[in-house]
Protein backbone atom coordinates (compact mmCIF):
# COMPACT_ATOMS: atom_id res chain seq x y z
CA MET A 1 58.64 8.99 -13.55
CA LYS A 2 55.99 7.98 -11.01
CA LEU A 3 58.59 5.91 -9.10
CA PHE A 4 61.02 8.82 -9.21
CA ILE A 5 58.48 11.27 -7.76
CA ASN A 6 57.55 8.83 -4.97
CA ILE A 7 61.25 8.40 -4.08
CA LEU A 8 61.63 12.17 -3.94
CA LEU A 9 58.59 12.49 -1.69
CA LEU A 10 60.13 9.95 0.67
CA SER A 11 63.42 11.85 0.51
CA ILE A 12 61.66 14.99 1.74
CA ILE A 13 60.38 13.06 4.76
CA PHE A 14 63.26 10.75 5.63
CA ILE A 15 66.49 12.48 4.58
CA GLY A 16 65.41 16.08 5.03
CA CYS A 17 68.23 16.78 7.49
CA SER A 18 71.12 15.77 5.22
CA SER A 19 73.92 18.34 5.39
CA THR A 20 75.49 18.03 1.92
CA LYS A 21 76.03 21.22 -0.06
CA SER A 22 74.29 20.03 -3.20
CA ASN A 23 70.57 20.67 -2.83
CA ILE A 24 67.56 19.69 -4.85
CA ALA A 25 65.20 21.69 -2.66
CA GLN A 26 65.38 23.81 0.44
CA VAL A 27 62.65 23.85 3.04
CA SER A 28 63.08 26.26 5.92
CA ILE A 29 60.67 25.61 8.75
CA SER A 30 60.39 28.36 11.31
CA PRO A 31 58.14 27.48 14.25
CA ASN A 32 57.59 30.74 16.13
CA THR A 33 60.43 32.26 14.07
CA VAL A 34 63.06 29.69 15.11
CA SER A 35 64.63 28.51 11.83
CA GLN A 36 65.48 24.90 11.03
CA GLU A 37 67.06 24.10 7.64
CA LYS A 38 66.13 20.89 5.84
CA ASN A 39 68.29 20.11 2.81
CA ILE A 40 67.52 17.38 0.35
CA ASN A 41 70.50 15.25 -0.71
CA GLN A 42 71.00 15.05 -4.46
CA ASN A 43 73.44 12.16 -4.39
CA THR A 44 70.93 9.34 -4.07
CA LYS A 45 71.28 6.69 -6.76
CA GLN A 46 67.59 6.74 -7.60
CA LEU A 47 67.61 10.48 -8.28
CA SER A 48 70.60 10.33 -10.62
CA THR A 49 68.52 8.38 -13.14
CA SER A 50 66.73 11.51 -14.28
CA LYS A 51 69.37 13.61 -16.08
CA SER A 52 66.90 16.14 -17.45
CA PHE A 53 65.54 16.78 -13.98
CA ILE A 54 69.02 17.26 -12.51
CA LYS A 55 69.82 19.68 -15.34
CA ASP A 56 66.74 21.75 -14.54
CA ILE A 57 67.54 21.82 -10.83
CA PHE A 58 70.07 24.60 -11.15
CA THR A 59 68.19 26.69 -13.72
CA PHE A 60 66.23 28.80 -11.24
CA LYS A 61 64.75 28.64 -7.77
CA LYS A 62 61.61 30.47 -6.71
CA LYS A 63 61.04 31.39 -3.09
CA THR A 64 57.66 31.33 -1.37
CA THR A 65 56.70 31.58 2.29
CA LEU A 66 53.89 29.53 3.80
CA LEU A 67 52.58 31.42 6.82
CA TYR A 68 50.22 30.08 9.49
CA SER A 69 49.71 29.48 13.20
CA SER A 70 49.60 25.75 13.94
CA ASN A 71 48.10 26.62 17.32
CA LYS A 72 45.13 28.02 15.41
CA LEU A 73 44.94 25.55 12.50
CA GLY A 74 45.81 22.34 14.34
CA LYS A 75 46.31 19.39 11.98
CA TYR A 76 45.43 21.58 8.99
CA ALA A 77 48.84 23.25 9.34
CA ILE A 78 50.43 19.90 8.46
CA ASP A 79 48.04 19.54 5.51
CA ALA A 80 48.96 23.02 4.24
CA THR A 81 52.66 22.15 4.45
CA ASN A 82 52.34 18.73 2.83
CA VAL A 83 50.17 19.85 -0.08
CA SER A 84 52.67 22.63 -0.80
CA LEU A 85 55.57 20.18 -0.81
CA ALA A 86 53.70 17.68 -2.98
CA TYR A 87 52.91 20.39 -5.53
CA LEU A 88 56.45 21.74 -5.68
CA ILE A 89 58.00 18.30 -6.05
CA THR A 90 55.55 17.35 -8.80
CA LYS A 91 56.52 20.47 -10.77
CA ASP A 92 60.04 19.00 -11.25
CA LYS A 93 61.60 22.41 -10.61
CA PRO A 94 63.92 23.65 -7.85
CA PHE A 95 62.16 25.49 -5.05
CA ASP A 96 62.77 27.28 -1.79
CA LEU A 97 59.80 27.01 0.56
CA GLU A 98 59.98 29.00 3.77
CA ILE A 99 57.53 27.95 6.48
CA ILE A 100 56.80 30.38 9.29
CA ASP A 101 54.67 29.00 12.12
CA MET A 102 53.40 31.85 14.28
CA LYS A 103 52.51 31.59 17.96
CA ASP A 104 49.06 33.03 17.21
CA GLU A 105 47.31 35.37 14.74
CA SER A 106 47.89 38.57 16.69
CA TRP A 107 49.23 41.78 15.16
CA GLU A 108 52.52 41.22 17.00
CA SER A 109 52.91 37.72 15.53
CA PHE A 110 52.18 38.94 11.99
CA THR A 111 54.69 41.78 12.43
CA LYS A 112 57.39 39.36 13.60
CA ALA A 113 56.62 36.90 10.78
CA LEU A 114 56.71 39.52 8.02
CA ASN A 115 59.97 40.92 9.35
CA GLU A 116 61.45 37.43 9.15
CA ALA A 117 60.16 36.96 5.60
CA LYS A 118 61.68 40.32 4.66
CA GLN A 119 65.07 39.31 6.09
CA LYS A 120 64.94 36.13 4.01
CA ASP A 121 63.97 38.12 0.91
CA SER A 122 60.74 36.14 0.54
CA LYS A 123 58.08 38.45 -0.87
CA ASN A 124 55.55 35.84 -2.02
CA ILE A 125 53.44 34.66 0.91
CA VAL A 126 50.62 32.13 1.14
CA ALA A 127 49.00 33.07 4.45
CA VAL A 128 46.62 30.41 5.76
CA ILE A 129 44.75 32.57 8.26
CA THR A 130 41.16 33.06 9.36
CA ASN A 131 38.74 35.93 8.74
CA ALA A 132 38.98 36.98 12.38
CA SER A 133 42.68 37.85 12.06
CA TYR A 134 42.60 39.54 8.65
CA GLU A 135 42.76 43.09 10.03
CA ASN A 136 45.74 42.17 12.21
CA LEU A 137 47.61 41.23 9.04
CA ILE A 138 46.75 44.27 6.92
CA ASP A 139 47.55 46.64 9.80
CA VAL A 140 51.20 45.54 9.87
CA GLY A 141 53.55 48.26 8.65
CA GLY A 142 55.09 47.37 5.29
CA VAL A 143 52.57 44.65 4.48
CA GLU A 144 52.02 46.34 1.10
CA ASN A 145 55.56 45.31 0.09
CA PHE A 146 54.58 41.63 -0.05
CA ASN A 147 52.55 39.64 -2.57
CA ILE A 148 50.03 37.75 -0.42
CA PHE A 149 47.58 34.96 -1.22
CA LEU A 150 44.82 34.21 1.32
CA PRO A 151 43.36 30.70 0.75
CA LEU A 152 40.58 30.99 3.34
CA ILE A 153 39.35 34.56 2.91
CA ASN A 154 36.96 35.82 0.26
CA LYS A 155 37.04 39.44 -0.83
CA ASN A 156 33.32 39.84 -0.09
CA ASN A 157 33.91 39.06 3.60
CA VAL A 158 36.37 41.85 4.40
CA ALA A 159 35.80 45.55 4.97
CA LYS A 160 39.08 46.71 3.43
CA VAL A 161 40.58 45.21 0.24
CA SER A 162 44.33 45.48 -0.40
CA LYS A 163 45.78 45.65 -3.91
CA ASN A 164 48.72 43.41 -3.05
CA ILE A 165 46.48 40.59 -1.79
CA ILE A 166 44.82 37.83 -3.82
CA TYR A 167 41.74 36.47 -2.07
CA GLY A 168 41.30 32.72 -2.51
CA GLY A 169 38.32 31.94 -0.27
CA VAL A 170 35.10 30.33 -1.43
CA ASP A 171 32.46 32.68 -2.82
CA TYR A 172 29.58 31.48 -0.66
CA GLN A 173 27.22 34.08 -2.09
CA LYS A 174 27.82 32.61 -5.52
CA GLN A 175 27.18 29.13 -4.17
CA PHE A 176 23.94 30.33 -2.54
CA ASN A 177 22.81 31.82 -5.85
CA ALA A 178 23.41 28.48 -7.57
CA LEU A 179 21.53 26.60 -4.84
CA LEU A 180 18.60 29.05 -4.94
CA GLU A 181 17.76 27.67 -8.38
CA TYR A 182 16.34 24.70 -6.44
CA SER A 183 14.35 26.77 -3.95
CA ASN A 184 10.56 26.55 -3.73
CA ASN A 185 10.48 30.12 -2.32
CA LYS A 186 9.75 28.91 1.21
CA ASP A 187 13.29 29.22 2.50
CA ILE A 188 14.59 28.60 6.02
CA SER A 189 18.15 28.96 7.32
CA LEU A 190 19.58 27.07 10.29
CA TYR A 191 23.06 28.19 11.33
CA ASP A 192 25.38 27.65 14.28
CA ASN A 193 26.72 30.28 16.66
CA SER A 194 30.24 30.37 15.23
CA LEU A 195 31.52 33.46 13.40
CA PHE A 196 31.52 31.48 10.17
CA GLY A 197 27.94 30.28 10.66
CA LYS A 198 26.79 33.85 11.21
CA ILE A 199 28.66 35.07 8.10
CA LEU A 200 26.94 32.41 5.99
CA ASN A 201 23.51 33.26 7.35
CA ASN A 202 24.06 37.00 6.80
CA GLN A 203 25.14 36.42 3.21
CA LEU A 204 22.06 34.31 2.54
CA GLU A 205 19.82 36.98 4.06
CA GLU A 206 21.34 39.58 1.72
CA ILE A 207 20.37 37.75 -1.47
CA ASP A 208 17.36 35.57 -0.60
CA ASN A 209 14.06 37.43 -0.86
CA SER A 210 12.16 34.23 -0.05
CA LEU A 211 13.79 33.67 3.33
CA LEU A 212 10.90 33.23 5.75
CA PHE A 213 12.70 32.16 8.89
CA THR A 214 16.24 31.90 10.33
CA LYS A 215 17.32 30.20 13.53
CA GLU A 216 20.65 30.03 15.34
CA ILE A 217 21.51 26.55 16.60
CA ASP A 218 23.15 27.14 19.97
CA ASP A 219 22.47 23.79 21.65
CA PHE A 220 25.78 21.94 22.05
CA SER A 221 24.06 18.77 23.30
CA GLY A 222 23.23 17.71 19.76
CA PHE A 223 19.54 17.17 20.54
CA TYR A 224 17.52 19.36 18.22
CA GLY A 225 14.27 17.41 18.33
CA GLU A 226 12.41 20.01 20.41
CA LEU A 227 13.55 22.86 18.18
CA LEU A 228 12.54 20.99 15.02
CA ASP A 229 9.18 19.92 16.43
CA LYS A 230 8.38 23.48 17.52
CA ASN A 231 8.93 24.64 13.93
CA ARG A 232 7.38 21.62 12.23
CA LYS A 233 4.87 23.58 10.15
CA LYS A 234 7.52 25.95 8.82
CA LEU A 235 9.97 23.17 8.04
CA ASN A 236 7.56 20.83 6.24
CA ASN A 237 7.68 21.42 2.48
CA SER A 238 10.26 24.20 2.92
CA THR A 239 13.65 24.75 1.31
CA LEU A 240 16.03 24.30 4.23
CA PHE A 241 19.53 25.79 4.13
CA LEU A 242 21.95 24.09 6.50
CA ASN A 243 24.62 26.67 7.36
CA THR A 244 26.08 24.35 9.96
CA PRO A 245 29.28 22.26 10.09
CA ILE A 246 29.27 18.60 9.13
CA VAL A 247 28.51 17.01 12.52
CA LYS A 248 25.60 19.35 13.31
CA SER A 249 24.30 19.03 9.75
CA SER A 250 24.34 15.23 10.02
CA ILE A 251 22.49 15.31 13.35
CA LEU A 252 19.89 17.72 11.95
CA LEU A 253 19.32 15.54 8.87
CA SER A 254 18.89 12.45 11.04
CA GLN A 255 16.55 14.16 13.49
CA LEU A 256 14.43 15.68 10.74
CA ARG A 257 13.63 12.18 9.49
CA ALA A 258 13.26 10.76 13.03
CA ASN A 259 10.68 13.47 13.77
CA LYS A 260 8.92 12.86 10.43
CA ILE A 261 9.61 16.39 9.19
CA SER A 262 10.02 16.61 5.44
CA PRO A 263 11.53 19.70 3.80
CA SER A 264 11.08 19.81 0.04
CA ARG A 265 14.81 20.44 -0.40
CA VAL A 266 17.82 20.63 1.90
CA LEU A 267 20.61 22.82 0.51
CA SER A 268 24.15 23.42 1.73
CA THR A 269 27.45 24.97 0.66
CA GLN A 270 31.09 23.86 0.49
CA MET A 271 31.35 23.22 4.24
CA ASN A 272 29.30 20.04 3.90
CA TYR A 273 30.90 18.73 0.70
CA THR A 274 32.66 15.87 2.48
CA PRO A 275 32.31 12.07 2.42
CA LEU A 276 31.67 12.25 6.16
CA ILE A 277 28.08 13.17 5.39
CA LEU A 278 27.72 9.82 3.63
CA SER A 279 28.91 7.92 6.70
CA LEU A 280 27.24 10.03 9.41
CA THR A 281 23.74 9.88 7.89
CA GLN A 282 21.44 7.29 6.35
CA ALA A 283 20.59 7.47 2.66
CA ASP A 284 16.98 8.41 3.49
CA ASP A 285 18.20 11.26 5.72
CA ARG A 286 19.83 12.98 2.76
CA LYS A 287 17.55 12.04 -0.13
CA ASN A 288 16.60 15.71 -0.74
CA LEU A 289 20.06 17.12 -0.03
CA ILE A 290 21.96 19.18 -2.64
CA ILE A 291 25.47 20.50 -1.94
CA ALA A 292 27.53 23.12 -3.79
CA ASN A 293 31.22 22.48 -4.51
CA SER A 294 33.97 24.67 -6.00
CA ILE A 295 36.87 22.19 -5.92
CA ARG A 296 37.86 21.23 -9.44
CA ASP A 297 39.60 18.03 -10.51
CA ILE A 298 43.38 18.31 -10.87
CA ASP A 299 46.23 16.48 -12.60
CA ARG A 300 46.28 12.78 -11.70
CA GLN A 301 49.98 12.64 -10.79
CA LEU A 302 49.67 15.71 -8.57
CA LYS A 303 46.60 14.23 -6.88
CA GLU A 304 48.53 10.99 -6.21
CA ASN A 305 51.51 12.80 -4.75
CA ILE A 306 49.26 14.85 -2.48
CA ALA A 307 47.48 11.69 -1.32
CA ASN A 308 50.88 10.06 -0.65
CA LEU A 309 51.51 12.76 1.93
CA GLY A 310 48.17 12.11 3.61
CA CYS A 311 46.25 15.11 2.25
CA ASP A 312 42.78 15.28 0.73
CA VAL A 313 42.57 17.64 -2.22
CA VAL A 314 39.26 16.25 -3.47
CA TYR A 315 37.05 17.34 -0.56
CA ASP A 316 39.14 19.48 1.80
CA TRP A 317 38.86 23.19 1.01
CA LEU A 318 41.88 24.32 3.03
CA THR A 319 44.11 21.82 1.23
CA TYR A 320 42.73 22.74 -2.19
CA SER A 321 42.87 26.51 -1.76
CA THR A 322 46.40 26.35 -0.31
CA LEU A 323 47.37 24.38 -3.41
CA VAL A 324 45.82 27.12 -5.57
CA GLY A 325 47.87 29.72 -3.68
CA VAL A 326 51.21 27.98 -4.13
CA ASP A 327 50.37 27.34 -7.79
CA TYR A 328 49.59 31.04 -8.24
CA PHE A 329 53.15 32.02 -7.33
CA TYR A 330 54.89 29.23 -9.26
CA THR A 331 52.91 29.13 -12.49
CA ARG A 332 52.03 31.78 -15.06
CA ASP A 333 50.23 29.62 -17.63
CA ASN A 334 47.73 26.80 -17.13
CA ARG A 335 47.07 27.60 -13.50
CA ILE A 336 44.81 25.30 -11.49
CA GLU A 337 42.41 28.23 -11.09
CA PRO A 338 43.11 30.48 -14.10
CA ILE A 339 40.61 33.29 -13.53
CA ILE A 340 41.33 36.08 -11.04
CA LEU A 341 39.07 39.12 -11.23
CA ASP A 342 39.67 42.22 -9.12
CA ASN A 343 42.03 40.28 -6.83
CA GLN A 344 39.51 37.47 -6.19
CA VAL A 345 39.94 33.92 -7.50
CA GLN A 346 36.83 33.05 -9.54
CA TYR A 347 35.96 29.45 -8.71
CA GLY A 348 33.46 27.43 -10.66
CA ILE A 349 30.47 25.82 -8.96
CA GLU A 350 29.02 22.34 -9.35
CA LEU A 351 25.97 21.01 -7.53
CA TYR A 352 25.86 17.45 -6.18
CA LYS A 353 23.36 15.00 -4.76
CA ALA A 354 24.58 12.86 -1.88
CA LYS A 355 23.74 9.33 -3.09
CA TYR A 356 24.20 6.01 -1.27
CA HIS A 357 28.01 5.81 -1.38
CA SER A 358 29.15 8.85 -3.33
CA PHE A 359 28.27 12.29 -4.68
CA LYS A 360 26.56 12.55 -8.05
CA LYS A 361 26.84 15.73 -10.07
CA LEU A 362 23.57 17.31 -11.13
CA ASN A 363 23.22 18.01 -14.85
């Protein structure tokens, strides 16, 4: 079965443009609403070895649209596509995956994309979009006629909640609450000047009564020594929250040790749960670091198939939450994330120490 799945994965990549009428799967890719059909040939000798699979092929076919702007997401658009394909192939069921790649995340682009989805009778949409463009999406006329899953947006971060939308973003407030169990009540927040950094800092301020000091990191040079030295007394023996992306977090951890500044704890959320932090810092830099994670382990075969297409579902949130979105539309029982409360996916939370070569879960 493993060999069969790998052959099918290769078929998606290498014989996707076959023009035979007998299809195992249909993938329609629409960059900026220009459609290109990719049909998977059934008549390969390797595929004919699985009679039960071939029998199931014509039982039913579900249709889902993956919506994004590759101009906005960059390489993550490829990851979103590949993880969706890997999941659907692993399910051993026929599928019809429409992919609409928008020019941007403007209201006009969303309107054009939803009109195309409507014409193709595709009502289930996994929309991999950012917080900044959320209102552009919900302001489109007729958006309420679609079932939409948003992998990157949490319900707590939007002003208006729609009943037809499932929110699949990380609950950072929940992660902060879990991390605050390790606070010594002398809390400090460092955050960058991105929209996301400001959202994280604001959410921490809302729930942390022991927050003594917050500081926006707006120096793009990567030299934070002066800033850290100026706040040495506050930082020593504090609980430091790093609401900064991985590169800035790694620099801050290194410069804290270089300047002989010793917080009691350094705490961070999902954004820094990545093996990059193990390679960008020394073990002593991160000895007091604790990171929250909401990515759960998944089926081994599915994980293998996702890895075969070059995606990381162990550490990459976009890949994982897109997987959860596709699974939501294709599965009724035994979902990857089974609990949805008031339109928000309820992710679990585990806390980890960053050890020498890996992450170790805290008991």
